[in-house]
Amino acid sequence: MEEFEKYMRYELNRSPHTVEAYCRDIRQFMEWVSASGPASVFDPGSVTTGDIRAWLTSIAHHESPLTLRRKTQSLRAYFRFLLKRSAIKSNPAADVTLAKAPKHLPEFVKESEIEEIVANYNPDDFHSVRNHIVMLLLYSTGIRREELRTITDADIDFSLKEVKVLGKRSKQRNIPLPPELLEEIRHWQSIRDNRYPDLPTPRPLIAGPSGALSRSAIYGIVREALASSSAMRKSPHVLRHTFATAMLNNGASLDSVKEFLGHSSLSTTQIYTHLSFAELKKAYNSAHPRSHPDSGKE
């Protein structure tokens, strides 16, 4: 597992979050096979396609199709790694069908709601300012939670008015920051440094007592802030969707939104065009007299 983790991290250049998820999936499968089989020690060479299907079936009632897809992909990657190292003769996960992922439009927060949320904070309260900066950066830039968590003061260029972000597979991109947001970041840094004078260098932008704020802490901040919104999901990724939708609805090109989000393929970004069209259709159905079944009838 240690060699596989290094392979994922350094050869495939996968993000720490992906590596963590894949390794967790594989260990869960190892534990299940060892507990249900005759031997207490996991032997990858004895694993069959039937074993993998049986494991996925055993957890299907409490896991989403997306999670089941990832777990299958985790095992495919692991056994592919072992196959390349000649540790096994075939990949038992290669023929396992991926769970069908549900097709749905990404959820977002209405512009009026998110603007009210980010404007509602106390500039003299440490936690209020920190939470405000978290929400503002996620909504204003469309960055991912992990990308926000790993930003340091050294990544922010106040003269060029931009922030350097390290995305998936260690791909770096620069995102412009408006002057007003830069001023708020300076205010936050002053409050943060007064509270935590001994932070490590380079200082994490969104910091806790001992370093960068945890992923779960950032999730909690967003969830609490979005509690009053109409969005069903209350997660950092919803703010990423909100950013992309706002950009496209206000005239940004698909290519520019792709670069902002750090997507490797334009097809990934195109889902937001469907989202924008859905909003247009909804507005038409609610406002135009010819959209109603009884239109024109007396």
Protein backbone atom coordinates (compact mmCIF):
# COMPACT_ATOMS: atom_id res chain seq x y z
CA MET A 1 0.00 0.00 0.00
CA GLU A 2 2.88 2.38 0.70
CA GLU A 3 4.29 1.77 -2.79
CA PHE A 4 0.85 2.23 -4.34
CA GLU A 5 0.38 5.50 -2.47
CA LYS A 6 3.74 6.78 -3.81
CA TYR A 7 2.77 5.61 -7.30
CA MET A 8 -0.52 7.54 -7.13
CA ARG A 9 1.04 10.64 -5.66
CA TYR A 10 4.27 10.95 -7.65
CA GLU A 11 3.87 8.96 -10.88
CA LEU A 12 0.19 9.64 -11.59
CA ASN A 13 0.34 13.05 -9.89
CA ARG A 14 -3.05 12.56 -8.21
CA SER A 15 -4.25 15.03 -5.59
CA PRO A 16 -3.78 14.23 -1.87
CA HIS A 17 -7.56 14.01 -1.52
CA THR A 18 -7.81 11.40 -4.32
CA VAL A 19 -4.90 9.38 -2.95
CA GLU A 20 -6.47 9.38 0.51
CA ALA A 21 -9.86 8.26 -0.84
CA TYR A 22 -8.39 5.48 -3.03
CA CYS A 23 -6.23 4.09 -0.22
CA ARG A 24 -9.17 4.18 2.18
CA ASP A 25 -11.34 2.26 -0.32
CA ILE A 26 -8.67 -0.39 -0.87
CA ARG A 27 -8.09 -0.91 2.85
CA GLN A 28 -11.83 -1.34 3.37
CA PHE A 29 -11.87 -4.02 0.69
CA MET A 30 -8.82 -5.72 2.20
CA GLU A 31 -10.49 -5.85 5.62
CA TRP A 32 -13.70 -7.25 4.12
CA VAL A 33 -11.88 -9.98 2.17
CA SER A 34 -9.74 -10.94 5.17
CA ALA A 35 -12.75 -11.08 7.48
CA SER A 36 -14.88 -13.16 5.09
CA GLY A 37 -12.17 -15.47 3.78
CA PRO A 38 -10.26 -18.42 5.26
CA ALA A 39 -7.02 -16.43 5.67
CA SER A 40 -6.50 -13.43 7.93
CA VAL A 41 -3.77 -12.04 5.66
CA PHE A 42 -4.83 -10.30 2.45
CA ASP A 43 -3.56 -12.03 -0.70
CA PRO A 44 -4.17 -9.87 -3.82
CA GLY A 45 -3.34 -12.78 -6.12
CA SER A 46 -6.32 -14.79 -4.86
CA VAL A 47 -8.89 -12.00 -5.32
CA THR A 48 -11.51 -12.71 -7.98
CA THR A 49 -13.95 -10.53 -9.88
CA GLY A 50 -16.69 -12.26 -7.88
CA ASP A 51 -15.07 -11.09 -4.62
CA ILE A 52 -15.14 -7.48 -5.75
CA ARG A 53 -18.75 -7.70 -6.94
CA ALA A 54 -19.77 -9.32 -3.65
CA TRP A 55 -18.09 -6.53 -1.65
CA LEU A 56 -19.75 -3.80 -3.70
CA THR A 57 -23.11 -5.55 -3.27
CA SER A 58 -22.60 -5.75 0.49
CA ILE A 59 -22.14 -1.98 0.80
CA ALA A 60 -24.53 -0.87 -1.96
CA HIS A 61 -27.44 -0.26 0.45
CA HIS A 62 -25.62 2.51 2.30
CA GLU A 63 -23.38 4.00 -0.40
CA SER A 64 -24.31 6.28 -3.30
CA PRO A 65 -23.73 5.23 -6.93
CA LEU A 66 -20.96 7.83 -7.18
CA THR A 67 -19.18 6.36 -4.16
CA LEU A 68 -19.54 2.83 -5.56
CA ARG A 69 -18.04 4.04 -8.86
CA ARG A 70 -15.06 5.52 -7.03
CA LYS A 71 -14.50 2.37 -4.99
CA THR A 72 -14.50 0.29 -8.17
CA GLN A 73 -12.05 2.71 -9.78
CA SER A 74 -9.86 2.55 -6.66
CA LEU A 75 -9.61 -1.23 -6.95
CA ARG A 76 -8.99 -1.03 -10.69
CA ALA A 77 -6.09 1.35 -10.10
CA TYR A 78 -4.63 -0.79 -7.30
CA PHE A 79 -4.74 -4.06 -9.20
CA ARG A 80 -3.46 -2.32 -12.36
CA PHE A 81 -0.50 -1.15 -10.27
CA LEU A 82 0.13 -4.71 -9.03
CA LEU A 83 -0.17 -6.03 -12.58
CA LYS A 84 2.47 -3.58 -13.81
CA ARG A 85 4.73 -4.73 -10.98
CA SER A 86 4.10 -8.39 -12.01
CA ALA A 87 2.70 -9.08 -8.53
CA ILE A 88 -0.49 -10.56 -10.04
CA LYS A 89 -1.37 -12.15 -13.40
CA SER A 90 -4.64 -10.31 -14.15
CA ASN A 91 -6.75 -7.41 -12.93
CA PRO A 92 -9.88 -8.81 -11.23
CA ALA A 93 -11.50 -5.36 -11.17
CA ALA A 94 -11.17 -4.75 -14.92
CA ASP A 95 -14.48 -6.42 -15.80
CA VAL A 96 -16.51 -5.01 -12.92
CA THR A 97 -19.19 -2.69 -14.28
CA LEU A 98 -19.16 0.80 -12.84
CA ALA A 99 -22.29 1.83 -10.98
CA LYS A 100 -24.44 4.13 -13.09
CA ALA A 101 -24.03 7.70 -11.92
CA PRO A 102 -27.23 9.73 -11.66
CA LYS A 103 -27.42 12.62 -14.11
CA HIS A 104 -28.41 15.85 -12.44
CA LEU A 105 -27.64 19.51 -12.81
CA PRO A 106 -25.25 21.01 -10.27
CA GLU A 107 -26.98 22.95 -7.53
CA PHE A 108 -26.21 26.59 -6.86
CA VAL A 109 -27.23 29.41 -4.53
CA LYS A 110 -29.30 32.26 -5.93
CA GLU A 111 -27.31 35.42 -6.52
CA SER A 112 -29.47 37.51 -4.18
CA GLU A 113 -29.07 34.94 -1.41
CA ILE A 114 -25.31 34.53 -1.65
CA GLU A 115 -24.74 38.30 -1.82
CA GLU A 116 -26.76 38.74 1.36
CA ILE A 117 -24.87 35.92 3.08
CA VAL A 118 -21.37 37.24 2.33
CA ALA A 119 -22.38 40.77 3.33
CA ASN A 120 -23.63 39.66 6.74
CA TYR A 121 -20.60 39.54 9.09
CA ASN A 122 -18.93 41.38 11.97
CA PRO A 123 -15.60 42.97 10.83
CA ASP A 124 -14.36 43.10 14.43
CA ASP A 125 -14.98 39.45 15.31
CA PHE A 126 -12.26 36.90 14.51
CA HIS A 127 -14.49 33.95 13.62
CA SER A 128 -16.95 36.12 11.73
CA VAL A 129 -14.19 37.60 9.55
CA ARG A 130 -12.60 34.18 8.97
CA ASN A 131 -15.92 32.65 7.91
CA HIS A 132 -16.61 35.66 5.70
CA ILE A 133 -13.28 35.28 3.89
CA VAL A 134 -13.90 31.54 3.40
CA MET A 135 -17.29 32.20 1.83
CA LEU A 136 -16.09 35.16 -0.20
CA LEU A 137 -13.09 33.35 -1.70
CA LEU A 138 -15.10 30.25 -2.61
CA TYR A 139 -17.87 32.30 -4.19
CA SER A 140 -15.64 34.93 -5.86
CA THR A 141 -13.09 32.55 -7.41
CA GLY A 142 -14.79 29.15 -7.80
CA ILE A 143 -11.85 27.32 -6.20
CA ARG A 144 -12.22 23.93 -4.58
CA ARG A 145 -12.20 23.44 -0.82
CA GLU A 146 -8.76 21.79 -0.84
CA GLU A 147 -7.40 24.55 -3.08
CA LEU A 148 -8.61 27.14 -0.58
CA ARG A 149 -7.19 25.19 2.34
CA THR A 150 -3.69 25.05 0.86
CA ILE A 151 -3.38 28.74 -0.13
CA THR A 152 -0.62 30.52 1.79
CA ASP A 153 0.21 34.20 2.08
CA ALA A 154 3.04 33.62 -0.40
CA ASP A 155 0.50 32.59 -3.04
CA ILE A 156 -1.20 35.99 -3.01
CA ASP A 157 0.32 38.70 -5.20
CA PHE A 158 -1.14 42.04 -4.14
CA SER A 159 0.66 43.95 -6.91
CA LEU A 160 -0.59 41.70 -9.72
CA LYS A 161 -3.95 41.26 -7.93
CA GLU A 162 -4.02 37.49 -8.23
CA VAL A 163 -3.73 34.27 -6.25
CA LYS A 164 -1.78 31.15 -7.20
CA VAL A 165 -3.84 27.98 -6.75
CA LEU A 166 -2.63 24.38 -6.76
CA GLY A 167 -5.39 22.26 -8.30
CA LYS A 168 -5.95 18.60 -9.06
CA ARG A 169 -2.91 16.63 -10.20
CA SER A 170 -0.76 19.52 -8.93
CA LYS A 171 -1.80 21.77 -11.81
CA GLN A 172 -1.16 25.40 -10.98
CA ARG A 173 -3.29 28.31 -12.14
CA ASN A 174 -3.49 32.02 -11.35
CA ILE A 175 -6.84 33.59 -10.53
CA PRO A 176 -7.44 37.36 -10.53
CA LEU A 177 -8.67 38.98 -7.33
CA PRO A 178 -10.70 42.22 -7.29
CA PRO A 179 -9.24 45.13 -5.25
CA GLU A 180 -12.08 45.01 -2.71
CA LEU A 181 -11.43 41.34 -1.99
CA LEU A 182 -7.70 42.01 -1.62
CA GLU A 183 -8.44 44.66 1.00
CA GLU A 184 -10.61 42.23 2.91
CA ILE A 185 -7.85 39.63 2.74
CA ARG A 186 -5.39 42.15 4.22
CA HIS A 187 -7.84 42.88 7.03
CA TRP A 188 -8.23 39.15 7.72
CA GLN A 189 -4.46 38.58 7.72
CA SER A 190 -4.03 41.32 10.33
CA ILE A 191 -6.68 39.76 12.58
CA ARG A 192 -5.27 36.26 12.01
CA ASP A 193 -1.69 37.26 12.80
CA ASN A 194 -2.77 38.99 15.98
CA ARG A 195 -4.59 35.82 17.05
CA TYR A 196 -1.97 33.30 15.86
CA PRO A 197 1.46 35.03 15.87
CA ASP A 198 3.39 31.74 15.73
CA LEU A 199 1.97 30.23 12.53
CA PRO A 200 4.45 28.31 10.34
CA THR A 201 5.98 30.00 7.29
CA PRO A 202 4.62 30.39 4.67
CA ARG A 203 1.52 31.21 6.65
CA PRO A 204 -1.66 29.41 5.58
CA LEU A 205 -4.24 31.99 4.55
CA ILE A 206 -7.19 30.26 6.25
CA ALA A 207 -5.57 29.26 9.52
CA GLY A 208 -6.42 27.64 12.81
CA PRO A 209 -4.29 27.52 15.97
CA SER A 210 -1.67 25.16 14.51
CA GLY A 211 -1.82 25.67 10.76
CA ALA A 212 -4.21 25.42 7.84
CA LEU A 213 -7.83 24.93 8.77
CA SER A 214 -9.06 21.35 8.28
CA ARG A 215 -11.30 20.27 5.41
CA SER A 216 -14.09 19.42 7.84
CA ALA A 217 -13.85 22.83 9.50
CA ILE A 218 -14.22 24.59 6.15
CA TYR A 219 -17.18 22.38 5.29
CA GLY A 220 -18.79 23.28 8.61
CA ILE A 221 -18.32 27.01 7.98
CA VAL A 222 -20.03 26.78 4.60
CA ARG A 223 -22.82 24.54 5.85
CA GLU A 224 -23.66 26.96 8.64
CA ALA A 225 -23.50 30.00 6.35
CA LEU A 226 -25.83 28.39 3.79
CA ALA A 227 -28.32 27.16 6.39
CA SER A 228 -30.85 29.85 5.47
CA SER A 229 -30.40 29.52 1.70
CA SER A 230 -32.83 27.72 -0.60
CA ALA A 231 -30.11 25.32 -1.85
CA MET A 232 -30.74 21.72 -0.83
CA ARG A 233 -27.03 20.96 -0.47
CA LYS A 234 -24.92 23.15 1.81
CA SER A 235 -21.37 22.36 0.74
CA PRO A 236 -18.27 24.22 -0.53
CA HIS A 237 -18.79 22.67 -3.96
CA VAL A 238 -22.18 24.37 -4.22
CA LEU A 239 -20.32 27.70 -4.09
CA ARG A 240 -18.12 26.52 -6.98
CA HIS A 241 -21.30 25.83 -8.96
CA THR A 242 -22.64 29.22 -7.88
CA PHE A 243 -19.52 30.97 -9.17
CA ALA A 244 -19.64 29.22 -12.56
CA THR A 245 -23.36 29.86 -13.00
CA ALA A 246 -23.02 33.55 -12.11
CA MET A 247 -20.12 33.96 -14.55
CA LEU A 248 -21.98 32.40 -17.48
CA ASN A 249 -25.27 34.13 -16.71
CA ASN A 250 -23.47 37.47 -16.73
CA GLY A 251 -21.73 37.01 -20.06
CA ALA A 252 -18.45 35.16 -19.41
CA SER A 253 -17.31 32.74 -22.12
CA LEU A 254 -17.24 29.01 -21.52
CA ASP A 255 -13.47 28.95 -22.14
CA SER A 256 -12.81 31.58 -19.47
CA VAL A 257 -14.95 29.74 -16.91
CA LYS A 258 -13.07 26.53 -17.77
CA GLU A 259 -9.76 28.25 -16.97
CA PHE A 260 -11.11 29.73 -13.74
CA LEU A 261 -12.34 26.33 -12.54
CA GLY A 262 -9.20 24.48 -13.61
CA HIS A 263 -11.10 21.94 -15.72
CA SER A 264 -8.93 19.85 -18.05
CA SER A 265 -11.77 19.41 -20.54
CA LEU A 266 -14.34 21.87 -21.87
CA SER A 267 -16.99 19.13 -21.70
CA THR A 268 -16.77 19.23 -17.90
CA THR A 269 -17.57 22.93 -17.92
CA GLN A 270 -20.43 22.59 -20.42
CA ILE A 271 -22.79 21.24 -17.78
CA TYR A 272 -23.14 24.83 -16.57
CA THR A 273 -24.54 25.89 -19.94
CA HIS A 274 -27.34 23.37 -19.41
CA LEU A 275 -27.84 24.82 -15.96
CA SER A 276 -28.12 28.34 -17.33
CA PHE A 277 -30.59 27.18 -19.98
CA ALA A 278 -32.65 25.47 -17.28
CA GLU A 279 -32.89 28.78 -15.44
CA LEU A 280 -33.97 30.55 -18.64
CA LYS A 281 -36.62 27.91 -19.25
CA LYS A 282 -37.86 28.23 -15.68
CA ALA A 283 -38.09 32.01 -16.04
CA TYR A 284 -39.98 31.65 -19.31
CA ASN A 285 -42.46 29.16 -17.86
CA SER A 286 -43.19 31.41 -14.92
CA ALA A 287 -43.40 34.69 -16.78
CA HIS A 288 -44.52 34.30 -20.39
CA PRO A 289 -48.30 34.06 -20.96
CA ARG A 290 -47.87 31.61 -23.85
CA SER A 291 -46.05 29.13 -21.64
CA HIS A 292 -49.21 28.18 -19.71
CA PRO A 293 -51.54 25.42 -20.93
CA ASP A 294 -54.59 27.69 -20.69
CA SER A 295 -52.97 30.62 -22.54
CA GLY A 296 -55.26 32.15 -25.14
CA LYS A 297 -58.36 30.41 -23.77
CA GLU A 298 -61.32 32.35 -22.42
